[in-house]
Amino acid sequence: MVNPFGARGRLTFGGFIARWCIPMTSPLLRLALCLFSLACLSIPDARAAVASKDRPAQLFRQRPPIHPDSIANFRVRGEVRVTFDVGADGTVSNVRAGYATHPDFIAPAIAAVLEWRYRPALRDGQPVPMYDQKANVISDVVVLGGPAFSIPPRGSDLLPPAFRYDEPPSIRIMMPVVYPYEILAGGLPGRASVAFAVGPDGRVEDVSVVRATHPDFGEALAAAMESWEFEPARYAGQPFAALLARSLDFNPEGKDMPVNETTRRLLFESRKPNPVFVDVADLDEMPATRFGATPRYPGRMGGEAGRAEIEFIIDRTGRVHLPRIVSASAPPFGWAAVTAAAQWEFSPPRKGGQPVDARMRVPVDFPAQPRSTLTVIPAAPIAPAP
């Protein structure tokens, strides 16, 4: 017997005719049934046609971001979470970053996403824009670890047992150190060392300045480390605490924190009696924020409220340079604010339709909060003392 529904269980024209129409002897009845079969066959196609009129945007062309050389001395995974709009023509616009493992990944990620192309979304068969699309942009280049920051493979036997991990922590989020503006303007090098704890949750706690050739070098390094996050150390497979230290050479010509050509240009301009920076109030429009990291509360302040006012230059591409403290209720608040500001990115500032370098001054408030204390979770047996 012929199966009228075919191999996939759908009503087929040939099956219907073979099963029902051909045995019929009445020509009129055969014609009516055949016309009915055609009407039935048109139903799935009509539904498919209606369904095809609506669809989301479909990515069909993308390129990976160009890996920045600025963090070649660190082992960190490049990841940026972006939000963007897709136009009715399939082009991408209004790209914003909401998270990044290092700010130097942001600009390459945004540049890459702006070159992505989509088959536009359809509504009732017509191309329509889609807003607030989200994606993770992952760097596909391996970053080789270097001498800038070394993490011991095991916790030292000289440390308390609660910090003797057997698997080291690894960097999850790292932020650059701000070169103190006045010291940079004077061309002075220096060095600072800090010690800190990494809790079982991977957050940095209890940062302390061990030594510094200038107090501002110590404050700048401490503020940067307070903004880092790690994949926690482990002991017997369970999250564990770690005590680490970092030293940094502040040298405009050094490899630890080189000063790029744009920063040099803006620094030279800033030292003039009348620098050609445009105040943000005089721009064609306020630059839109592409990435705005929230300042990390400085744990050294013990939970008290604080405030800082900072100033910085937005270059013609939207990147922030030369953040400096105008005032602060306590130095750690000022350094926490400029450390965050150094990561910010904006749409290019314009005046008269032309990209310009702009100067911006903003207040930053730090609400009071409970004192954070490092709590070691002994999920595994504590390593025995020697």
Protein backbone atom coordinates (compact mmCIF):
# COMPACT_ATOMS: atom_id res chain seq x y z
CA MET A 1 0.00 0.00 0.00
CA VAL A 2 1.25 3.46 -0.82
CA ASN A 3 1.90 5.61 2.25
CA PRO A 4 0.14 8.91 1.51
CA PHE A 5 2.21 10.72 4.17
CA GLY A 6 5.63 9.93 2.72
CA ALA A 7 8.80 8.97 4.57
CA ARG A 8 8.71 12.04 6.89
CA GLY A 9 5.04 11.73 7.83
CA ARG A 10 3.95 14.72 5.68
CA LEU A 11 1.04 14.54 3.32
CA THR A 12 2.49 14.25 -0.19
CA PHE A 13 0.76 15.05 -3.46
CA GLY A 14 1.82 11.83 -5.15
CA GLY A 15 0.83 9.74 -2.15
CA PHE A 16 -2.57 11.34 -1.94
CA ILE A 17 -3.32 10.81 -5.63
CA ALA A 18 -2.06 7.22 -5.60
CA ARG A 19 -4.03 6.30 -2.47
CA TRP A 20 -7.29 8.16 -3.01
CA CYS A 21 -7.70 9.82 -6.39
CA ILE A 22 -6.64 7.09 -8.79
CA PRO A 23 -9.08 4.39 -7.54
CA MET A 24 -12.01 6.78 -7.90
CA THR A 25 -14.11 6.13 -11.01
CA SER A 26 -16.12 9.34 -10.97
CA PRO A 27 -14.24 12.07 -12.88
CA LEU A 28 -16.02 14.79 -10.93
CA LEU A 29 -15.18 13.23 -7.59
CA ARG A 30 -11.58 12.66 -8.65
CA LEU A 31 -11.27 16.34 -9.67
CA ALA A 32 -12.76 17.56 -6.38
CA LEU A 33 -10.45 15.40 -4.29
CA CYS A 34 -7.41 16.44 -6.25
CA LEU A 35 -8.26 20.13 -5.80
CA PHE A 36 -8.75 19.47 -2.08
CA SER A 37 -5.33 17.81 -1.92
CA LEU A 38 -3.69 20.87 -3.48
CA ALA A 39 -5.35 23.11 -0.91
CA CYS A 40 -4.08 20.88 1.92
CA LEU A 41 -0.57 20.90 0.51
CA SER A 42 -0.55 24.71 0.45
CA ILE A 43 -1.14 25.02 4.21
CA PRO A 44 2.39 24.14 5.44
CA ASP A 45 3.95 26.33 2.79
CA ALA A 46 1.78 29.27 3.82
CA ARG A 47 2.79 28.84 7.44
CA ALA A 48 6.45 28.70 6.45
CA ALA A 49 6.03 31.84 4.38
CA VAL A 50 4.50 33.66 7.33
CA ALA A 51 7.23 32.40 9.67
CA SER A 52 9.96 33.53 7.27
CA LYS A 53 8.70 37.12 7.49
CA ASP A 54 10.03 37.44 11.07
CA ARG A 55 13.58 36.60 12.08
CA PRO A 56 16.34 37.99 14.31
CA ALA A 57 19.51 39.55 12.95
CA GLN A 58 21.97 36.90 11.73
CA LEU A 59 25.72 37.40 11.92
CA PHE A 60 27.46 36.36 8.72
CA ARG A 61 30.80 38.17 8.83
CA GLN A 62 33.12 38.95 11.71
CA ARG A 63 36.81 39.29 12.44
CA PRO A 64 38.68 38.72 15.71
CA PRO A 65 40.14 41.72 17.55
CA ILE A 66 43.76 42.66 17.11
CA HIS A 67 45.59 41.71 20.27
CA PRO A 68 47.18 44.67 22.09
CA ASP A 69 50.93 44.50 22.68
CA SER A 70 50.65 46.67 25.79
CA ILE A 71 50.03 43.71 28.11
CA ALA A 72 52.44 41.23 26.59
CA ASN A 73 54.13 40.79 29.98
CA PHE A 74 51.01 39.31 31.58
CA ARG A 75 49.12 36.06 31.29
CA VAL A 76 45.53 37.18 31.06
CA ARG A 77 42.63 36.04 28.89
CA GLY A 78 41.26 38.72 26.63
CA GLU A 79 37.51 39.10 27.05
CA VAL A 80 35.22 42.07 26.50
CA ARG A 81 31.44 41.98 26.89
CA VAL A 82 29.81 44.40 24.47
CA THR A 83 26.35 45.77 23.75
CA PHE A 84 25.56 47.21 20.32
CA ASP A 85 22.86 48.06 17.79
CA VAL A 86 22.32 46.43 14.39
CA GLY A 87 20.80 48.67 11.72
CA ALA A 88 18.22 47.75 9.12
CA ASP A 89 21.10 47.51 6.64
CA GLY A 90 23.00 45.00 8.83
CA THR A 91 25.72 47.37 9.99
CA VAL A 92 26.77 47.70 13.64
CA SER A 93 26.79 50.94 15.63
CA ASN A 94 26.75 52.29 19.18
CA VAL A 95 29.11 49.65 20.60
CA ARG A 96 29.57 49.84 24.39
CA ALA A 97 31.69 47.68 26.66
CA GLY A 98 30.33 46.58 30.01
CA TYR A 99 33.17 44.33 31.18
CA ALA A 100 36.78 43.77 30.21
CA THR A 101 39.63 41.73 31.62
CA HIS A 102 41.94 44.64 30.77
CA PRO A 103 41.05 48.08 29.36
CA ASP A 104 43.53 47.68 26.49
CA PHE A 105 41.28 44.94 25.07
CA ILE A 106 38.35 47.37 24.79
CA ALA A 107 39.37 49.50 21.79
CA PRO A 108 40.36 46.48 19.62
CA ALA A 109 37.10 44.74 20.56
CA ILE A 110 34.96 47.75 19.68
CA ALA A 111 36.84 48.23 16.40
CA ALA A 112 36.30 44.57 15.53
CA VAL A 113 32.58 44.59 16.36
CA LEU A 114 32.03 47.72 14.26
CA GLU A 115 33.19 45.67 11.26
CA TRP A 116 30.76 42.82 11.91
CA ARG A 117 27.98 42.43 9.37
CA TYR A 118 24.53 40.95 9.84
CA ARG A 119 21.65 39.83 7.72
CA PRO A 120 19.15 42.31 9.10
CA ALA A 121 16.27 41.32 11.32
CA LEU A 122 12.90 41.02 9.59
CA ARG A 123 9.47 41.98 10.85
CA ASP A 124 6.55 41.24 8.53
CA GLY A 125 9.17 40.66 5.88
CA GLN A 126 10.72 44.13 6.23
CA PRO A 127 14.26 44.88 7.53
CA VAL A 128 14.21 46.50 10.96
CA PRO A 129 16.94 47.65 13.38
CA MET A 130 17.75 45.66 16.52
CA TYR A 131 18.96 47.39 19.66
CA ASP A 132 21.06 46.33 22.65
CA GLN A 133 22.44 43.15 21.15
CA LYS A 134 25.06 41.45 23.34
CA ALA A 135 28.19 39.46 22.63
CA ASN A 136 31.45 38.35 24.23
CA VAL A 137 34.56 39.24 22.26
CA ILE A 138 37.37 36.83 23.05
CA SER A 139 40.97 37.37 22.07
CA ASP A 140 42.19 34.34 20.14
CA VAL A 141 45.88 35.14 20.71
CA VAL A 142 47.80 33.55 23.57
CA VAL A 143 49.36 36.11 25.90
CA LEU A 144 52.72 34.94 27.12
CA GLY A 145 53.61 35.47 30.75
CA GLY A 146 56.61 37.65 31.42
CA PRO A 147 58.63 39.11 34.27
CA ALA A 148 56.25 41.98 35.09
CA PHE A 149 54.28 39.97 37.65
CA SER A 150 55.22 36.52 38.88
CA ILE A 151 52.91 34.31 40.97
CA PRO A 152 54.61 31.55 42.98
CA PRO A 153 53.38 28.09 41.93
CA ARG A 154 52.84 27.09 45.60
CA GLY A 155 52.29 28.93 48.85
CA SER A 156 55.55 29.31 50.75
CA ASP A 157 56.14 27.15 53.83
CA LEU A 158 57.12 30.36 55.60
CA LEU A 159 53.51 31.58 55.42
CA PRO A 160 50.72 30.63 57.82
CA PRO A 161 49.08 27.32 56.86
CA ALA A 162 45.91 29.11 55.70
CA PHE A 163 47.86 30.57 52.74
CA ARG A 164 49.81 27.49 51.59
CA TYR A 165 47.95 26.75 48.37
CA ASP A 166 49.01 23.93 46.06
CA GLU A 167 47.53 25.52 42.89
CA PRO A 168 48.36 29.19 42.25
CA PRO A 169 45.80 31.90 41.53
CA SER A 170 45.63 33.30 38.02
CA ILE A 171 44.73 36.78 36.81
CA ARG A 172 41.10 37.21 35.77
CA ILE A 173 40.82 41.02 35.59
CA MET A 174 43.75 43.40 35.65
CA MET A 175 43.87 47.17 35.50
CA PRO A 176 46.86 49.34 34.64
CA VAL A 177 48.69 51.51 37.15
CA VAL A 178 48.28 55.26 36.76
CA TYR A 179 51.56 57.16 36.50
CA PRO A 180 51.18 60.09 38.93
CA TYR A 181 50.62 63.14 36.75
CA GLU A 182 52.93 65.63 38.44
CA ILE A 183 55.75 63.10 38.69
CA LEU A 184 55.31 62.10 35.06
CA ALA A 185 55.37 65.74 34.01
CA GLY A 186 58.71 66.07 35.80
CA GLY A 187 60.05 62.96 34.07
CA LEU A 188 60.99 61.31 37.38
CA PRO A 189 61.27 57.50 37.63
CA GLY A 190 60.66 55.51 40.80
CA ARG A 191 59.66 52.18 42.27
CA ALA A 192 57.01 50.80 44.59
CA SER A 193 56.19 47.44 46.19
CA VAL A 194 52.92 46.25 47.70
CA ALA A 195 51.73 43.12 49.48
CA PHE A 196 48.14 41.89 49.29
CA ALA A 197 45.87 38.93 49.92
CA VAL A 198 43.66 37.18 47.39
CA GLY A 199 40.60 35.67 49.04
CA PRO A 200 38.90 32.38 48.16
CA ASP A 201 36.49 34.43 46.01
CA GLY A 202 39.38 35.83 43.97
CA ARG A 203 39.05 39.40 45.21
CA VAL A 204 42.03 41.38 46.41
CA GLU A 205 42.04 42.34 50.09
CA ASP A 206 44.31 44.05 52.59
CA VAL A 207 46.68 45.85 50.23
CA SER A 208 49.61 47.47 51.98
CA VAL A 209 52.49 49.52 50.61
CA VAL A 210 55.77 47.87 51.56
CA ARG A 211 58.07 50.54 50.15
CA ALA A 212 57.96 53.37 47.63
CA THR A 213 60.45 55.98 46.44
CA HIS A 214 57.58 58.48 46.44
CA PRO A 215 54.29 58.16 48.35
CA ASP A 216 52.28 58.66 45.16
CA PHE A 217 53.96 55.65 43.53
CA GLY A 218 52.85 53.47 46.42
CA GLU A 219 49.29 54.85 46.37
CA ALA A 220 49.00 54.37 42.60
CA LEU A 221 50.18 50.76 42.71
CA ALA A 222 47.98 49.93 45.73
CA ALA A 223 44.88 51.38 44.02
CA ALA A 224 45.55 49.37 40.86
CA MET A 225 45.95 46.10 42.76
CA GLU A 226 42.70 46.69 44.67
CA SER A 227 40.90 46.69 41.31
CA TRP A 228 42.32 43.33 40.18
CA GLU A 229 40.48 40.03 40.37
CA PHE A 230 41.87 36.50 40.27
CA GLU A 231 40.79 32.96 39.73
CA PRO A 232 41.43 31.89 43.34
CA ALA A 233 44.23 29.67 44.50
CA ARG A 234 43.30 26.12 45.47
CA TYR A 235 44.27 23.58 48.05
CA ALA A 236 43.17 19.95 47.53
CA GLY A 237 40.90 21.24 44.76
CA GLN A 238 39.05 23.77 46.92
CA PRO A 239 39.25 27.62 46.71
CA PHE A 240 41.96 28.91 49.00
CA ALA A 241 43.52 32.20 50.03
CA ALA A 242 46.92 33.45 48.87
CA LEU A 243 49.37 36.11 49.95
CA LEU A 244 51.14 37.81 47.05
CA ALA A 245 53.40 40.79 46.38
CA ARG A 246 54.12 42.98 43.42
CA SER A 247 56.86 45.49 42.64
CA LEU A 248 56.73 47.97 39.79
CA ASP A 249 59.24 50.31 38.21
CA PHE A 250 57.73 53.68 37.27
CA ASN A 251 59.68 54.77 34.23
CA PRO A 252 58.26 56.59 31.19
CA GLU A 253 60.78 54.73 29.03
CA GLY A 254 60.47 51.36 30.77
CA LYS A 255 58.62 48.25 29.65
CA ASP A 256 56.60 47.84 32.85
CA MET A 257 54.45 50.90 32.14
CA PRO A 258 55.53 52.64 28.94
CA VAL A 259 54.04 56.02 28.04
CA ASN A 260 52.67 55.98 24.49
CA GLU A 261 53.00 58.71 21.90
CA THR A 262 49.48 60.07 22.41
CA THR A 263 50.09 60.45 26.14
CA ARG A 264 53.39 62.22 25.44
CA ARG A 265 51.68 64.62 23.04
CA LEU A 266 48.93 65.43 25.50
CA LEU A 267 51.39 65.78 28.39
CA PHE A 268 53.47 68.25 26.38
CA GLU A 269 50.34 70.21 25.47
CA SER A 270 49.10 70.21 29.08
CA ARG A 271 52.26 71.95 30.27
CA LYS A 272 51.67 74.94 27.99
CA PRO A 273 50.22 78.15 29.48
CA ASN A 274 47.17 77.83 27.22
CA PRO A 275 46.74 74.21 26.14
CA VAL A 276 44.40 73.61 23.20
CA PHE A 277 42.01 71.33 25.07
CA VAL A 278 38.29 71.88 24.59
CA ASP A 279 36.13 71.84 27.69
CA VAL A 280 33.40 69.20 27.40
CA ALA A 281 30.76 71.89 27.86
CA ASP A 282 31.90 73.46 24.58
CA LEU A 283 31.71 70.28 22.48
CA ASP A 284 29.05 69.65 19.85
CA GLU A 285 27.60 67.08 22.24
CA MET A 286 28.63 65.26 25.38
CA PRO A 287 30.75 62.20 24.47
CA ALA A 288 28.86 58.95 24.97
CA THR A 289 30.35 56.47 27.41
CA ARG A 290 31.62 53.31 25.72
CA PHE A 291 33.15 51.84 28.86
CA GLY A 292 32.82 53.22 32.38
CA ALA A 293 34.40 51.10 35.09
CA THR A 294 33.09 51.84 38.57
CA PRO A 295 35.81 52.91 41.02
CA ARG A 296 36.63 50.18 43.52
CA TYR A 297 36.20 51.22 47.14
CA PRO A 298 39.67 51.37 48.76
CA GLY A 299 39.62 48.74 51.48
CA ARG A 300 42.33 50.60 53.35
CA MET A 301 39.77 53.28 54.31
CA GLY A 302 37.91 50.97 56.68
CA GLY A 303 34.40 51.60 55.32
CA GLU A 304 34.12 55.38 55.82
CA ALA A 305 32.53 57.52 53.12
CA GLY A 306 34.75 59.57 50.84
CA ARG A 307 34.83 61.84 47.82
CA ALA A 308 37.27 62.80 45.11
CA GLU A 309 37.31 65.21 42.21
CA ILE A 310 39.41 64.23 39.21
CA GLU A 311 40.34 65.64 35.82
CA PHE A 312 41.49 63.92 32.64
CA ILE A 313 41.91 64.38 28.90
CA ILE A 314 39.79 62.51 26.34
CA ASP A 315 41.80 62.15 23.15
CA ARG A 316 40.39 62.36 19.63
CA THR A 317 39.58 58.64 19.61
CA GLY A 318 37.74 58.71 22.94
CA ARG A 319 40.44 57.23 25.19
CA VAL A 320 41.30 58.76 28.57
CA HIS A 321 44.80 60.04 29.34
CA LEU A 322 46.55 61.80 32.21
CA PRO A 323 43.93 61.36 34.94
CA ARG A 324 44.89 63.39 37.98
CA ILE A 325 43.49 64.10 41.42
CA VAL A 326 42.11 67.63 41.89
CA SER A 327 40.98 67.00 45.45
CA ALA A 328 40.16 64.06 47.72
CA SER A 329 38.91 63.55 51.26
CA ALA A 330 41.76 61.02 51.64
CA PRO A 331 44.48 59.96 49.14
CA PRO A 332 43.17 56.40 48.61
CA PHE A 333 39.84 57.79 47.38
CA GLY A 334 41.60 59.98 44.83
CA TRP A 335 43.78 57.13 43.56
CA ALA A 336 40.82 54.75 43.33
CA ALA A 337 38.99 57.34 41.22
CA VAL A 338 41.85 58.03 38.77
CA THR A 339 42.57 54.28 38.46
CA ALA A 340 38.99 53.73 37.29
CA ALA A 341 39.02 56.82 35.05
CA ALA A 342 42.14 55.57 33.25
CA GLN A 343 40.00 52.69 31.93
CA TRP A 344 37.11 54.80 30.66
CA GLU A 345 36.39 55.19 26.97
CA PHE A 346 34.05 57.58 25.19
CA SER A 347 32.87 58.34 21.70
CA PRO A 348 35.33 60.73 20.01
CA PRO A 349 34.78 64.31 21.23
CA ARG A 350 33.93 66.77 18.44
CA LYS A 351 33.71 70.50 18.02
CA GLY A 352 32.47 71.94 14.75
CA GLY A 353 32.21 68.37 13.49
CA GLN A 354 35.96 67.76 13.93
CA PRO A 355 37.56 65.40 16.47
CA VAL A 356 39.35 67.27 19.26
CA ASP A 357 41.09 66.61 22.57
CA ALA A 358 38.73 67.46 25.42
CA ARG A 359 39.20 68.09 29.12
CA MET A 360 36.69 66.75 31.63
CA ARG A 361 36.39 67.15 35.40
CA VAL A 362 34.09 64.90 37.42
CA PRO A 363 33.29 64.26 41.11
CA VAL A 364 33.35 60.69 42.42
CA ASP A 365 31.52 59.70 45.60
CA PHE A 366 32.36 56.63 47.68
CA PRO A 367 29.45 55.63 49.96
CA ALA A 368 30.21 54.26 53.41
CA GLN A 369 30.27 50.47 53.62
CA PRO A 370 31.11 47.72 56.09
CA ARG A 371 34.74 46.97 56.63
CA SER A 372 35.74 44.06 54.40
CA THR A 373 37.71 41.36 56.16
CA LEU A 374 39.49 38.46 54.58
CA THR A 375 37.79 35.23 55.56
CA VAL A 376 39.63 32.02 54.73
CA ILE A 377 37.20 29.19 53.99
CA PRO A 378 38.90 25.92 55.01
CA ALA A 379 36.87 23.79 52.62
CA ALA A 380 39.75 21.33 52.61
CA PRO A 381 42.04 20.29 55.47
CA ILE A 382 44.48 23.04 56.39
CA ALA A 383 47.96 22.29 55.11
CA PRO A 384 50.08 21.12 58.05
CA ALA A 385 52.76 23.37 59.48
CA PRO A 386 56.33 22.26 58.77
